[in-house]
């Protein structure tokens, strides 16, 4: 298993997204506009029964298009079952709190952008 995903030294964040998509799902994507920037802070154990670390992550979410390839599990990694989930099923899908927050914000923005007001 490789190190958790992240921006490598000298790498542009858009390159990171493309690389991570390919590594974790087997899909090649074209990275589009920045949709969301967030922050998450939590205390996590280093190992069972050991000290904890105060972990703070800052993350960005971008649109992706031109998805090419066959979706697969990450080779020798932690992503074992990538899948496309229809929006209608998200409410019934177990998600991390941070992931739920991101999706709630994105869906709110998308809905307000697509629904015309007035005539």
PDB file of N, CA and C in Angstrom:
ATOM      1  N   UNK A   1       0.847  -1.176   0.000  1.00  0.00           N
ATOM      2  CA  UNK A   1       0.000   0.000   0.000  1.00  0.00           C
ATOM      3  C   UNK A   1       0.894   1.241   0.000  1.00  0.00           C
ATOM      4  N   UNK A   2       0.531   2.218  -0.815  1.00  0.00           N
ATOM      5  CA  UNK A   2       1.334   3.430  -0.875  1.00  0.00           C
ATOM      6  C   UNK A   2       0.878   4.433   0.180  1.00  0.00           C
ATOM      7  N   UNK A   3       1.616   5.533   0.276  1.00  0.00           N
ATOM      8  CA  UNK A   3       1.241   6.588   1.222  1.00  0.00           C
ATOM      9  C   UNK A   3      -0.111   7.159   0.823  1.00  0.00           C
ATOM     10  N   UNK A   4      -0.840   7.741   1.797  1.00  0.00           N
ATOM     11  CA  UNK A   4      -2.118   8.372   1.459  1.00  0.00           C
ATOM     12  C   UNK A   4      -1.912   9.460   0.412  1.00  0.00           C
ATOM     13  N   UNK A   5      -2.941   9.674  -0.393  1.00  0.00           N
ATOM     14  CA  UNK A   5      -2.862  10.645  -1.479  1.00  0.00           C
ATOM     15  C   UNK A   5      -2.585  12.048  -0.994  1.00  0.00           C
ATOM     16  N   UNK A   6      -2.002  12.814  -1.857  1.00  0.00           N
ATOM     17  CA  UNK A   6      -1.704  14.199  -1.543  1.00  0.00           C
ATOM     18  C   UNK A   6      -0.870  14.803  -2.653  1.00  0.00           C
ATOM     19  N   UNK A   7      -0.666  16.100  -2.554  1.00  0.00           N
ATOM     20  CA  UNK A   7       0.137  16.809  -3.541  1.00  0.00           C
ATOM     21  C   UNK A   7       1.603  16.487  -3.302  1.00  0.00           C
ATOM     22  N   UNK A   8       2.266  16.013  -4.338  1.00  0.00           N
ATOM     23  CA  UNK A   8       3.698  15.749  -4.220  1.00  0.00           C
ATOM     24  C   UNK A   8       4.458  17.057  -4.400  1.00  0.00           C
ATOM     25  N   UNK A   9       5.654  17.133  -3.830  1.00  0.00           N
ATOM     26  CA  UNK A   9       6.463  18.348  -3.909  1.00  0.00           C
ATOM     27  C   UNK A   9       6.629  18.780  -5.363  1.00  0.00           C
ATOM     28  N   UNK A  10       6.267  20.028  -5.650  1.00  0.00           N
ATOM     29  CA  UNK A  10       6.411  20.580  -6.990  1.00  0.00           C
ATOM     30  C   UNK A  10       5.269  20.246  -7.942  1.00  0.00           C
ATOM     31  N   UNK A  11       4.300  19.492  -7.473  1.00  0.00           N
ATOM     32  CA  UNK A  11       3.191  19.072  -8.330  1.00  0.00           C
ATOM     33  C   UNK A  11       2.049  20.086  -8.255  1.00  0.00           C
ATOM     34  N   UNK A  12       1.457  20.421  -9.386  1.00  0.00           N
ATOM     35  CA  UNK A  12       0.287  21.301  -9.413  1.00  0.00           C
ATOM     36  C   UNK A  12      -0.920  20.502  -8.908  1.00  0.00           C
ATOM     37  N   UNK A  13      -1.804  21.122  -8.112  1.00  0.00           N
ATOM     38  CA  UNK A  13      -2.969  20.390  -7.591  1.00  0.00           C
ATOM     39  C   UNK A  13      -3.817  19.707  -8.666  1.00  0.00           C
ATOM     40  N   UNK A  14      -3.957  20.303  -9.838  1.00  0.00           N
ATOM     41  CA  UNK A  14      -4.720  19.662 -10.916  1.00  0.00           C
ATOM     42  C   UNK A  14      -4.034  18.372 -11.370  1.00  0.00           C
ATOM     43  N   UNK A  15      -2.702  18.368 -11.391  1.00  0.00           N
ATOM     44  CA  UNK A  15      -1.957  17.158 -11.738  1.00  0.00           C
ATOM     45  C   UNK A  15      -2.186  16.086 -10.676  1.00  0.00           C
ATOM     46  N   UNK A  16      -2.257  16.516  -9.407  1.00  0.00           N
ATOM     47  CA  UNK A  16      -2.500  15.585  -8.307  1.00  0.00           C
ATOM     48  C   UNK A  16      -3.833  14.876  -8.490  1.00  0.00           C
ATOM     49  N   UNK A  17      -4.870  15.628  -8.835  1.00  0.00           N
ATOM     50  CA  UNK A  17      -6.198  15.041  -9.008  1.00  0.00           C
ATOM     51  C   UNK A  17      -6.170  13.989 -10.117  1.00  0.00           C
ATOM     52  N   UNK A  18      -5.568  14.327 -11.241  1.00  0.00           N
ATOM     53  CA  UNK A  18      -5.475  13.369 -12.342  1.00  0.00           C
ATOM     54  C   UNK A  18      -4.696  12.124 -11.951  1.00  0.00           C
ATOM     55  N   UNK A  19      -3.562  12.316 -11.283  1.00  0.00           N
ATOM     56  CA  UNK A  19      -2.730  11.176 -10.862  1.00  0.00           C
ATOM     57  C   UNK A  19      -3.470  10.293  -9.868  1.00  0.00           C
ATOM     58  N   UNK A  20      -4.105  10.927  -8.855  1.00  0.00           N
ATOM     59  CA  UNK A  20      -4.813  10.156  -7.832  1.00  0.00           C
ATOM     60  C   UNK A  20      -6.007   9.392  -8.422  1.00  0.00           C
ATOM     61  N   UNK A  21      -6.734  10.033  -9.345  1.00  0.00           N
ATOM     62  CA  UNK A  21      -7.840   9.336 -10.007  1.00  0.00           C
ATOM     63  C   UNK A  21      -7.324   8.079 -10.695  1.00  0.00           C
ATOM     64  N   UNK A  22      -6.247   8.224 -11.450  1.00  0.00           N
ATOM     65  CA  UNK A  22      -5.692   7.088 -12.184  1.00  0.00           C
ATOM     66  C   UNK A  22      -5.204   5.999 -11.229  1.00  0.00           C
ATOM     67  N   UNK A  23      -4.455   6.386 -10.188  1.00  0.00           N
ATOM     68  CA  UNK A  23      -3.924   5.406  -9.237  1.00  0.00           C
ATOM     69  C   UNK A  23      -5.032   4.668  -8.496  1.00  0.00           C
ATOM     70  N   UNK A  24      -6.065   5.400  -8.067  1.00  0.00           N
ATOM     71  CA  UNK A  24      -7.066   4.813  -7.179  1.00  0.00           C
ATOM     72  C   UNK A  24      -8.249   4.177  -7.898  1.00  0.00           C
ATOM     73  N   UNK A  25      -8.488   4.546  -9.166  1.00  0.00           N
ATOM     74  CA  UNK A  25      -9.662   4.003  -9.861  1.00  0.00           C
ATOM     75  C   UNK A  25      -9.362   3.430 -11.237  1.00  0.00           C
ATOM     76  N   UNK A  26      -8.187   3.702 -11.779  1.00  0.00           N
ATOM     77  CA  UNK A  26      -7.871   3.266 -13.135  1.00  0.00           C
ATOM     78  C   UNK A  26      -8.432   4.187 -14.205  1.00  0.00           C
ATOM     79  N   UNK A  27      -9.073   5.290 -13.795  1.00  0.00           N
ATOM     80  CA  UNK A  27      -9.700   6.213 -14.745  1.00  0.00           C
ATOM     81  C   UNK A  27      -8.801   7.418 -15.031  1.00  0.00           C
ATOM     82  N   UNK A  28      -8.754   7.825 -16.286  1.00  0.00           N
ATOM     83  CA  UNK A  28      -8.055   9.041 -16.695  1.00  0.00           C
ATOM     84  C   UNK A  28      -9.107  10.133 -16.830  1.00  0.00           C
ATOM     85  N   UNK A  29      -8.869  11.278 -16.189  1.00  0.00           N
ATOM     86  CA  UNK A  29      -9.843  12.373 -16.214  1.00  0.00           C
ATOM     87  C   UNK A  29      -9.172  13.669 -16.654  1.00  0.00           C
ATOM     88  N   UNK A  30     -10.007  14.577 -17.142  1.00  0.00           N
ATOM     89  CA  UNK A  30      -9.585  15.947 -17.409  1.00  0.00           C
ATOM     90  C   UNK A  30     -10.104  16.782 -16.253  1.00  0.00           C
ATOM     91  N   UNK A  31      -9.221  17.513 -15.595  1.00  0.00           N
ATOM     92  CA  UNK A  31      -9.588  18.292 -14.411  1.00  0.00           C
ATOM     93  C   UNK A  31     -10.145  19.636 -14.846  1.00  0.00           C
ATOM     94  N   UNK A  32     -11.329  19.983 -14.302  1.00  0.00           N
ATOM     95  CA  UNK A  32     -12.007  21.218 -14.647  1.00  0.00           C
ATOM     96  C   UNK A  32     -11.923  22.251 -13.533  1.00  0.00           C
ATOM     97  N   UNK A  33     -12.990  23.024 -13.401  1.00  0.00           N
ATOM     98  CA  UNK A  33     -12.994  24.149 -12.475  1.00  0.00           C
ATOM     99  C   UNK A  33     -13.013  23.724 -11.005  1.00  0.00           C
ATOM    100  N   UNK A  34     -12.473  24.609 -10.173  1.00  0.00           N
ATOM    101  CA  UNK A  34     -12.484  24.426  -8.732  1.00  0.00           C
ATOM    102  C   UNK A  34     -13.913  24.628  -8.240  1.00  0.00           C
ATOM    103  N   UNK A  35     -14.445  23.643  -7.478  1.00  0.00           N
ATOM    104  CA  UNK A  35     -15.822  23.713  -7.005  1.00  0.00           C
ATOM    105  C   UNK A  35     -15.937  24.001  -5.512  1.00  0.00           C
ATOM    106  N   UNK A  36     -14.942  23.570  -4.740  1.00  0.00           N
ATOM    107  CA  UNK A  36     -15.087  23.664  -3.282  1.00  0.00           C
ATOM    108  C   UNK A  36     -13.712  23.562  -2.628  1.00  0.00           C
ATOM    109  N   UNK A  37     -13.511  24.322  -1.573  1.00  0.00           N
ATOM    110  CA  UNK A  37     -12.310  24.209  -0.736  1.00  0.00           C
ATOM    111  C   UNK A  37     -12.796  24.030   0.686  1.00  0.00           C
ATOM    112  N   UNK A  38     -12.243  23.063   1.382  1.00  0.00           N
ATOM    113  CA  UNK A  38     -12.678  22.796   2.748  1.00  0.00           C
ATOM    114  C   UNK A  38     -11.517  22.468   3.655  1.00  0.00           C
ATOM    115  N   UNK A  39     -11.853  22.289   4.920  1.00  0.00           N
ATOM    116  CA  UNK A  39     -10.855  22.008   5.944  1.00  0.00           C
ATOM    117  C   UNK A  39     -11.449  21.012   6.929  1.00  0.00           C
ATOM    118  N   UNK A  40     -10.636  20.103   7.414  1.00  0.00           N
ATOM    119  CA  UNK A  40     -11.089  19.111   8.378  1.00  0.00           C
ATOM    120  C   UNK A  40     -10.004  18.944   9.440  1.00  0.00           C
ATOM    121  N   UNK A  41     -10.413  18.989  10.691  1.00  0.00           N
ATOM    122  CA  UNK A  41      -9.463  18.793  11.786  1.00  0.00           C
ATOM    123  C   UNK A  41     -10.022  17.743  12.724  1.00  0.00           C
ATOM    124  N   UNK A  42      -9.208  16.743  13.035  1.00  0.00           N
ATOM    125  CA  UNK A  42      -9.630  15.665  13.927  1.00  0.00           C
ATOM    126  C   UNK A  42      -8.423  15.053  14.620  1.00  0.00           C
ATOM    127  N   UNK A  43      -8.680  14.380  15.694  1.00  0.00           N
ATOM    128  CA  UNK A  43      -7.637  13.661  16.415  1.00  0.00           C
ATOM    129  C   UNK A  43      -7.731  12.193  16.016  1.00  0.00           C
ATOM    130  N   UNK A  44      -6.619  11.645  15.558  1.00  0.00           N
ATOM    131  CA  UNK A  44      -6.619  10.250  15.103  1.00  0.00           C
ATOM    132  C   UNK A  44      -5.487   9.485  15.785  1.00  0.00           C
ATOM    133  N   UNK A  45      -5.731   8.204  16.100  1.00  0.00           N
ATOM    134  CA  UNK A  45      -4.676   7.391  16.719  1.00  0.00           C
ATOM    135  C   UNK A  45      -3.589   7.048  15.701  1.00  0.00           C
ATOM    136  N   UNK A  46      -2.345   7.066  16.161  1.00  0.00           N
ATOM    137  CA  UNK A  46      -1.245   6.657  15.292  1.00  0.00           C
ATOM    138  C   UNK A  46      -1.283   5.148  15.083  1.00  0.00           C
ATOM    139  N   UNK A  47      -1.456   4.409  16.176  1.00  0.00           N
ATOM    140  CA  UNK A  47      -1.625   2.954  16.156  1.00  0.00           C
ATOM    141  C   UNK A  47      -2.492   2.597  17.348  1.00  0.00           C
ATOM    142  N   UNK A  48      -3.103   1.439  17.302  1.00  0.00           N
ATOM    143  CA  UNK A  48      -3.977   1.013  18.399  1.00  0.00           C
ATOM    144  C   UNK A  48      -3.222   1.072  19.729  1.00  0.00           C
ATOM    145  N   UNK A  49      -3.816   1.752  20.706  1.00  0.00           N
ATOM    146  CA  UNK A  49      -3.226   1.841  22.036  1.00  0.00           C
ATOM    147  C   UNK A  49      -2.068   2.814  22.158  1.00  0.00           C
ATOM    148  N   UNK A  50      -1.819   3.600  21.121  1.00  0.00           N
ATOM    149  CA  UNK A  50      -0.693   4.530  21.157  1.00  0.00           C
ATOM    150  C   UNK A  50      -1.190   5.965  21.170  1.00  0.00           C
ATOM    151  N   UNK A  51      -0.263   6.900  21.077  1.00  0.00           N
ATOM    152  CA  UNK A  51      -0.588   8.322  21.075  1.00  0.00           C
ATOM    153  C   UNK A  51      -1.493   8.682  19.901  1.00  0.00           C
ATOM    154  N   UNK A  52      -2.083   9.849  20.017  1.00  0.00           N
ATOM    155  CA  UNK A  52      -2.909  10.366  18.932  1.00  0.00           C
ATOM    156  C   UNK A  52      -2.223  11.574  18.310  1.00  0.00           C
ATOM    157  N   UNK A  53      -2.645  11.913  17.118  1.00  0.00           N
ATOM    158  CA  UNK A  53      -2.091  13.070  16.435  1.00  0.00           C
ATOM    159  C   UNK A  53      -3.250  14.003  16.069  1.00  0.00           C
ATOM    160  N   UNK A  54      -2.997  15.292  16.159  1.00  0.00           N
ATOM    161  CA  UNK A  54      -3.957  16.309  15.764  1.00  0.00           C
ATOM    162  C   UNK A  54      -3.772  16.521  14.270  1.00  0.00           C
ATOM    163  N   UNK A  55      -4.697  15.997  13.465  1.00  0.00           N
ATOM    164  CA  UNK A  55      -4.576  16.023  12.010  1.00  0.00           C
ATOM    165  C   UNK A  55      -5.449  17.126  11.433  1.00  0.00           C
ATOM    166  N   UNK A  56      -4.849  17.993  10.630  1.00  0.00           N
ATOM    167  CA  UNK A  56      -5.592  19.059   9.957  1.00  0.00           C
ATOM    168  C   UNK A  56      -5.342  18.936   8.471  1.00  0.00           C
ATOM    169  N   UNK A  57      -6.409  18.743   7.696  1.00  0.00           N
ATOM    170  CA  UNK A  57      -6.274  18.651   6.248  1.00  0.00           C
ATOM    171  C   UNK A  57      -7.041  19.782   5.580  1.00  0.00           C
ATOM    172  N   UNK A  58      -6.488  20.281   4.510  1.00  0.00           N
ATOM    173  CA  UNK A  58      -7.155  21.262   3.665  1.00  0.00           C
ATOM    174  C   UNK A  58      -7.282  20.573   2.312  1.00  0.00           C
ATOM    175  N   UNK A  59      -8.479  20.625   1.732  1.00  0.00           N
ATOM    176  CA  UNK A  59      -8.719  19.894   0.499  1.00  0.00           C
ATOM    177  C   UNK A  59      -9.511  20.742  -0.480  1.00  0.00           C
ATOM    178  N   UNK A  60      -9.405  20.370  -1.749  1.00  0.00           N
ATOM    179  CA  UNK A  60     -10.161  21.050  -2.787  1.00  0.00           C
ATOM    180  C   UNK A  60     -10.891  20.003  -3.615  1.00  0.00           C
ATOM    181  N   UNK A  61     -12.011  20.420  -4.195  1.00  0.00           N
ATOM    182  CA  UNK A  61     -12.794  19.547  -5.059  1.00  0.00           C
ATOM    183  C   UNK A  61     -12.927  20.254  -6.401  1.00  0.00           C
ATOM    184  N   UNK A  62     -12.591  19.542  -7.460  1.00  0.00           N
ATOM    185  CA  UNK A  62     -12.696  20.097  -8.807  1.00  0.00           C
ATOM    186  C   UNK A  62     -13.627  19.226  -9.640  1.00  0.00           C
ATOM    187  N   UNK A  63     -14.239  19.845 -10.636  1.00  0.00           N
ATOM    188  CA  UNK A  63     -15.029  19.085 -11.606  1.00  0.00           C
ATOM    189  C   UNK A  63     -14.060  18.257 -12.443  1.00  0.00           C
ATOM    190  N   UNK A  64     -14.491  17.085 -12.862  1.00  0.00           N
ATOM    191  CA  UNK A  64     -13.701  16.277 -13.791  1.00  0.00           C
ATOM    192  C   UNK A  64     -14.592  15.882 -14.970  1.00  0.00           C
ATOM    193  N   UNK A  65     -13.987  15.820 -16.136  1.00  0.00           N
ATOM    194  CA  UNK A  65     -14.705  15.425 -17.347  1.00  0.00           C
ATOM    195  C   UNK A  65     -13.835  14.454 -18.124  1.00  0.00           C
ATOM    196  N   UNK A  66     -14.332  14.030 -19.256  1.00  0.00           N
ATOM    197  CA  UNK A  66     -13.580  13.132 -20.142  1.00  0.00           C
ATOM    198  C   UNK A  66     -13.031  11.938 -19.378  1.00  0.00           C
ATOM    199  N   UNK A  67     -13.926  11.228 -18.712  1.00  0.00           N
ATOM    200  CA  UNK A  67     -13.524  10.046 -17.955  1.00  0.00           C
ATOM    201  C   UNK A  67     -13.289   8.903 -18.941  1.00  0.00           C
ATOM    202  N   UNK A  68     -12.063   8.373 -18.922  1.00  0.00           N
ATOM    203  CA  UNK A  68     -11.680   7.316 -19.854  1.00  0.00           C
ATOM    204  C   UNK A  68     -11.081   6.163 -19.057  1.00  0.00           C
ATOM    205  N   UNK A  69     -11.428   4.939 -19.449  1.00  0.00           N
ATOM    206  CA  UNK A  69     -10.831   3.767 -18.826  1.00  0.00           C
ATOM    207  C   UNK A  69     -11.863   2.886 -18.165  1.00  0.00           C
ATOM    208  N   UNK A  70     -11.382   1.794 -17.600  1.00  0.00           N
ATOM    209  CA  UNK A  70     -12.220   0.843 -16.884  1.00  0.00           C
ATOM    210  C   UNK A  70     -12.003   1.038 -15.392  1.00  0.00           C
ATOM    211  N   UNK A  71     -13.095   1.306 -14.649  1.00  0.00           N
ATOM    212  CA  UNK A  71     -12.962   1.498 -13.210  1.00  0.00           C
ATOM    213  C   UNK A  71     -12.528   0.178 -12.568  1.00  0.00           C
ATOM    214  N   UNK A  72     -11.584   0.294 -11.641  1.00  0.00           N
ATOM    215  CA  UNK A  72     -11.051  -0.875 -10.931  1.00  0.00           C
ATOM    216  C   UNK A  72     -10.648  -0.464  -9.524  1.00  0.00           C
ATOM    217  N   UNK A  73     -10.420  -1.450  -8.674  1.00  0.00           N
ATOM    218  CA  UNK A  73      -9.908  -1.184  -7.333  1.00  0.00           C
ATOM    219  C   UNK A  73      -8.465  -0.722  -7.435  1.00  0.00           C
ATOM    220  N   UNK A  74      -8.044   0.049  -6.424  1.00  0.00           N
ATOM    221  CA  UNK A  74      -6.657   0.521  -6.384  1.00  0.00           C
ATOM    222  C   UNK A  74      -5.720  -0.673  -6.247  1.00  0.00           C
ATOM    223  N   UNK A  75      -4.675  -0.691  -7.037  1.00  0.00           N
ATOM    224  CA  UNK A  75      -3.710  -1.783  -6.977  1.00  0.00           C
ATOM    225  C   UNK A  75      -2.839  -1.612  -5.740  1.00  0.00           C
ATOM    226  N   UNK A  76      -2.845  -2.604  -4.836  1.00  0.00           N
ATOM    227  CA  UNK A  76      -2.050  -2.571  -3.606  1.00  0.00           C
ATOM    228  C   UNK A  76      -2.351  -1.342  -2.759  1.00  0.00           C
ATOM    229  N   UNK A  77      -3.606  -0.943  -2.683  1.00  0.00           N
ATOM    230  CA  UNK A  77      -3.934   0.256  -1.924  1.00  0.00           C
ATOM    231  C   UNK A  77      -5.194   0.108  -1.104  1.00  0.00           C
ATOM    232  N   UNK A  78      -5.709   1.259  -0.675  1.00  0.00           N
ATOM    233  CA  UNK A  78      -6.846   1.267   0.239  1.00  0.00           C
ATOM    234  C   UNK A  78      -8.189   1.445  -0.460  1.00  0.00           C
ATOM    235  N   UNK A  79      -8.201   1.798  -1.714  1.00  0.00           N
ATOM    236  CA  UNK A  79      -9.462   1.996  -2.446  1.00  0.00           C
ATOM    237  C   UNK A  79      -9.855   0.660  -3.058  1.00  0.00           C
ATOM    238  N   UNK A  80     -10.750  -0.075  -2.375  1.00  0.00           N
ATOM    239  CA  UNK A  80     -11.053  -1.418  -2.849  1.00  0.00           C
ATOM    240  C   UNK A  80     -12.335  -1.542  -3.661  1.00  0.00           C
ATOM    241  N   UNK A  81     -13.203  -0.534  -3.652  1.00  0.00           N
ATOM    242  CA  UNK A  81     -14.455  -0.662  -4.397  1.00  0.00           C
ATOM    243  C   UNK A  81     -14.956   0.691  -4.904  1.00  0.00           C
ATOM    244  N   UNK A  82     -14.222   1.330  -5.813  1.00  0.00           N
ATOM    245  CA  UNK A  82     -14.726   2.604  -6.333  1.00  0.00           C
ATOM    246  C   UNK A  82     -16.021   2.365  -7.102  1.00  0.00           C
ATOM    247  N   UNK A  83     -16.923   3.341  -7.038  1.00  0.00           N
ATOM    248  CA  UNK A  83     -18.211   3.188  -7.732  1.00  0.00           C
ATOM    249  C   UNK A  83     -18.819   4.554  -8.001  1.00  0.00           C
ATOM    250  N   UNK A  84     -19.617   4.637  -9.063  1.00  0.00           N
ATOM    251  CA  UNK A  84     -20.425   5.819  -9.317  1.00  0.00           C
ATOM    252  C   UNK A  84     -21.717   5.640  -8.526  1.00  0.00           C
ATOM    253  N   UNK A  85     -22.098   6.651  -7.760  1.00  0.00           N
ATOM    254  CA  UNK A  85     -23.314   6.567  -6.951  1.00  0.00           C
ATOM    255  C   UNK A  85     -24.302   7.612  -7.463  1.00  0.00           C
ATOM    256  N   UNK A  86     -25.490   7.170  -7.886  1.00  0.00           N
ATOM    257  CA  UNK A  86     -26.492   8.144  -8.350  1.00  0.00           C
ATOM    258  C   UNK A  86     -26.857   9.120  -7.223  1.00  0.00           C
ATOM    259  N   UNK A  87     -27.101  10.373  -7.569  1.00  0.00           N
ATOM    260  CA  UNK A  87     -27.433  11.397  -6.571  1.00  0.00           C
ATOM    261  C   UNK A  87     -28.606  10.952  -5.707  1.00  0.00           C
ATOM    262  N   UNK A  88     -29.589  10.298  -6.306  1.00  0.00           N
ATOM    263  CA  UNK A  88     -30.771   9.862  -5.557  1.00  0.00           C
ATOM    264  C   UNK A  88     -30.438   8.864  -4.452  1.00  0.00           C
ATOM    265  N   UNK A  89     -29.308   8.173  -4.553  1.00  0.00           N
ATOM    266  CA  UNK A  89     -28.928   7.175  -3.554  1.00  0.00           C
ATOM    267  C   UNK A  89     -27.994   7.707  -2.469  1.00  0.00           C
ATOM    268  N   UNK A  90     -27.528   8.944  -2.597  1.00  0.00           N
ATOM    269  CA  UNK A  90     -26.559   9.480  -1.639  1.00  0.00           C
ATOM    270  C   UNK A  90     -27.092   9.499  -0.205  1.00  0.00           C
ATOM    271  N   UNK A  91     -28.372   9.810  -0.027  1.00  0.00           N
ATOM    272  CA  UNK A  91     -28.944   9.890   1.321  1.00  0.00           C
ATOM    273  C   UNK A  91     -28.895   8.538   2.024  1.00  0.00           C
ATOM    274  N   UNK A  92     -28.889   7.442   1.263  1.00  0.00           N
ATOM    275  CA  UNK A  92     -28.857   6.095   1.852  1.00  0.00           C
ATOM    276  C   UNK A  92     -27.456   5.485   1.876  1.00  0.00           C
ATOM    277  N   UNK A  93     -26.473   6.252   1.453  1.00  0.00           N
ATOM    278  CA  UNK A  93     -25.103   5.741   1.372  1.00  0.00           C
ATOM    279  C   UNK A  93     -24.305   6.187   2.585  1.00  0.00           C
ATOM    280  N   UNK A  94     -23.663   5.242   3.308  1.00  0.00           N
ATOM    281  CA  UNK A  94     -22.828   5.648   4.449  1.00  0.00           C
ATOM    282  C   UNK A  94     -21.628   6.460   3.958  1.00  0.00           C
ATOM    283  N   UNK A  95     -21.455   7.653   4.533  1.00  0.00           N
ATOM    284  CA  UNK A  95     -20.375   8.546   4.128  1.00  0.00           C
ATOM    285  C   UNK A  95     -19.683   9.118   5.358  1.00  0.00           C
ATOM    286  N   UNK A  96     -18.411   9.448   5.215  1.00  0.00           N
ATOM    287  CA  UNK A  96     -17.720  10.187   6.268  1.00  0.00           C
ATOM    288  C   UNK A  96     -18.369  11.559   6.397  1.00  0.00           C
ATOM    289  N   UNK A  97     -18.340  12.139   7.594  1.00  0.00           N
ATOM    290  CA  UNK A  97     -18.943  13.450   7.811  1.00  0.00           C
ATOM    291  C   UNK A  97     -18.378  14.507   6.861  1.00  0.00           C
ATOM    292  N   UNK A  98     -17.077  14.481   6.655  1.00  0.00           N
ATOM    293  CA  UNK A  98     -16.451  15.455   5.758  1.00  0.00           C
ATOM    294  C   UNK A  98     -16.962  15.279   4.332  1.00  0.00           C
ATOM    295  N   UNK A  99     -17.085  14.039   3.882  1.00  0.00           N
ATOM    296  CA  UNK A  99     -17.587  13.767   2.538  1.00  0.00           C
ATOM    297  C   UNK A  99     -19.028  14.245   2.408  1.00  0.00           C
ATOM    298  N   UNK A 100     -19.839  13.982   3.425  1.00  0.00           N
ATOM    299  CA  UNK A 100     -21.234  14.429   3.408  1.00  0.00           C
ATOM    300  C   UNK A 100     -21.307  15.959   3.330  1.00  0.00           C
ATOM    301  N   UNK A 101     -20.464  16.648   4.095  1.00  0.00           N
ATOM    302  CA  UNK A 101     -20.438  18.119   4.072  1.00  0.00           C
ATOM    303  C   UNK A 101     -20.089  18.635   2.673  1.00  0.00           C
ATOM    304  N   UNK A 102     -19.092  18.030   2.054  1.00  0.00           N
ATOM    305  CA  UNK A 102     -18.682  18.438   0.709  1.00  0.00           C
ATOM    306  C   UNK A 102     -19.836  18.250  -0.271  1.00  0.00           C
ATOM    307  N   UNK A 103     -20.448  17.066  -0.251  1.00  0.00           N
ATOM    308  CA  UNK A 103     -21.539  16.785  -1.180  1.00  0.00           C
ATOM    309  C   UNK A 103     -22.739  17.684  -0.939  1.00  0.00           C
ATOM    310  N   UNK A 104     -23.072  17.932   0.324  1.00  0.00           N
ATOM    311  CA  UNK A 104     -24.185  18.837   0.642  1.00  0.00           C
ATOM    312  C   UNK A 104     -23.936  20.225   0.057  1.00  0.00           C
ATOM    313  N   UNK A 105     -22.724  20.735   0.226  1.00  0.00           N
ATOM    314  CA  UNK A 105     -22.384  22.062  -0.309  1.00  0.00           C
ATOM    315  C   UNK A 105     -22.414  22.084  -1.834  1.00  0.00           C
ATOM    316  N   UNK A 106     -21.862  21.054  -2.454  1.00  0.00           N
ATOM    317  CA  UNK A 106     -21.845  21.006  -3.914  1.00  0.00           C
ATOM    318  C   UNK A 106     -23.249  20.876  -4.484  1.00  0.00           C
ATOM    319  N   UNK A 107     -24.067  20.017  -3.895  1.00  0.00           N
ATOM    320  CA  UNK A 107     -25.428  19.831  -4.399  1.00  0.00           C
ATOM    321  C   UNK A 107     -26.252  21.093  -4.218  1.00  0.00           C
ATOM    322  N   UNK A 108     -26.047  21.784  -3.115  1.00  0.00           N
ATOM    323  CA  UNK A 108     -26.755  23.044  -2.875  1.00  0.00           C
ATOM    324  C   UNK A 108     -26.381  24.060  -3.961  1.00  0.00           C
ATOM    325  N   UNK A 109     -25.113  24.167  -4.268  1.00  0.00           N
ATOM    326  CA  UNK A 109     -24.654  25.106  -5.301  1.00  0.00           C
ATOM    327  C   UNK A 109     -25.170  24.702  -6.674  1.00  0.00           C
ATOM    328  N   UNK A 110     -25.121  23.405  -6.982  1.00  0.00           N
ATOM    329  CA  UNK A 110     -25.590  22.946  -8.286  1.00  0.00           C
ATOM    330  C   UNK A 110     -27.077  23.191  -8.462  1.00  0.00           C
ATOM    331  N   UNK A 111     -27.853  22.918  -7.420  1.00  0.00           N
ATOM    332  CA  UNK A 111     -29.303  23.110  -7.507  1.00  0.00           C
ATOM    333  C   UNK A 111     -29.647  24.572  -7.697  1.00  0.00           C
ATOM    334  N   UNK A 112     -28.966  25.453  -6.999  1.00  0.00           N
ATOM    335  CA  UNK A 112     -29.275  26.876  -7.135  1.00  0.00           C
ATOM    336  C   UNK A 112     -28.804  27.413  -8.486  1.00  0.00           C
ATOM    337  N   UNK A 113     -27.801  26.763  -9.084  1.00  0.00           N
ATOM    338  CA  UNK A 113     -27.297  27.225 -10.369  1.00  0.00           C
ATOM    339  C   UNK A 113     -28.161  26.761 -11.534  1.00  0.00           C
ATOM    340  N   UNK A 114     -28.886  25.651 -11.365  1.00  0.00           N
ATOM    341  CA  UNK A 114     -29.634  25.091 -12.483  1.00  0.00           C
ATOM    342  C   UNK A 114     -31.117  25.468 -12.462  1.00  0.00           C
ATOM    343  N   UNK A 115     -31.639  25.798 -11.326  1.00  0.00           N
ATOM    344  CA  UNK A 115     -33.061  26.092 -11.235  1.00  0.00           C
ATOM    345  C   UNK A 115     -33.301  27.558 -11.593  1.00  0.00           C
ATOM    346  N   UNK A 116     -33.974  27.803 -12.720  1.00  0.00           N
ATOM    347  CA  UNK A 116     -34.225  29.196 -13.099  1.00  0.00           C
ATOM    348  C   UNK A 116     -35.253  29.862 -12.174  1.00  0.00           C
ATOM    349  N   UNK A 117     -35.021  31.110 -11.863  1.00  0.00           N
ATOM    350  CA  UNK A 117     -35.927  31.869 -11.009  1.00  0.00           C
ATOM    351  C   UNK A 117     -36.646  32.889 -11.869  1.00  0.00           C
ATOM    352  N   UNK A 118     -37.977  32.914 -11.805  1.00  0.00           N
ATOM    353  CA  UNK A 118     -38.737  33.868 -12.598  1.00  0.00           C
ATOM    354  C   UNK A 118     -38.779  33.494 -14.066  1.00  0.00           C
ATOM    355  N   UNK A 119     -38.968  34.477 -14.871  1.00  0.00           N
ATOM    356  CA  UNK A 119     -39.060  34.213 -16.302  1.00  0.00           C
ATOM    357  C   UNK A 119     -38.007  34.930 -17.069  1.00  0.00           C
TER     358      UNK A 119
END
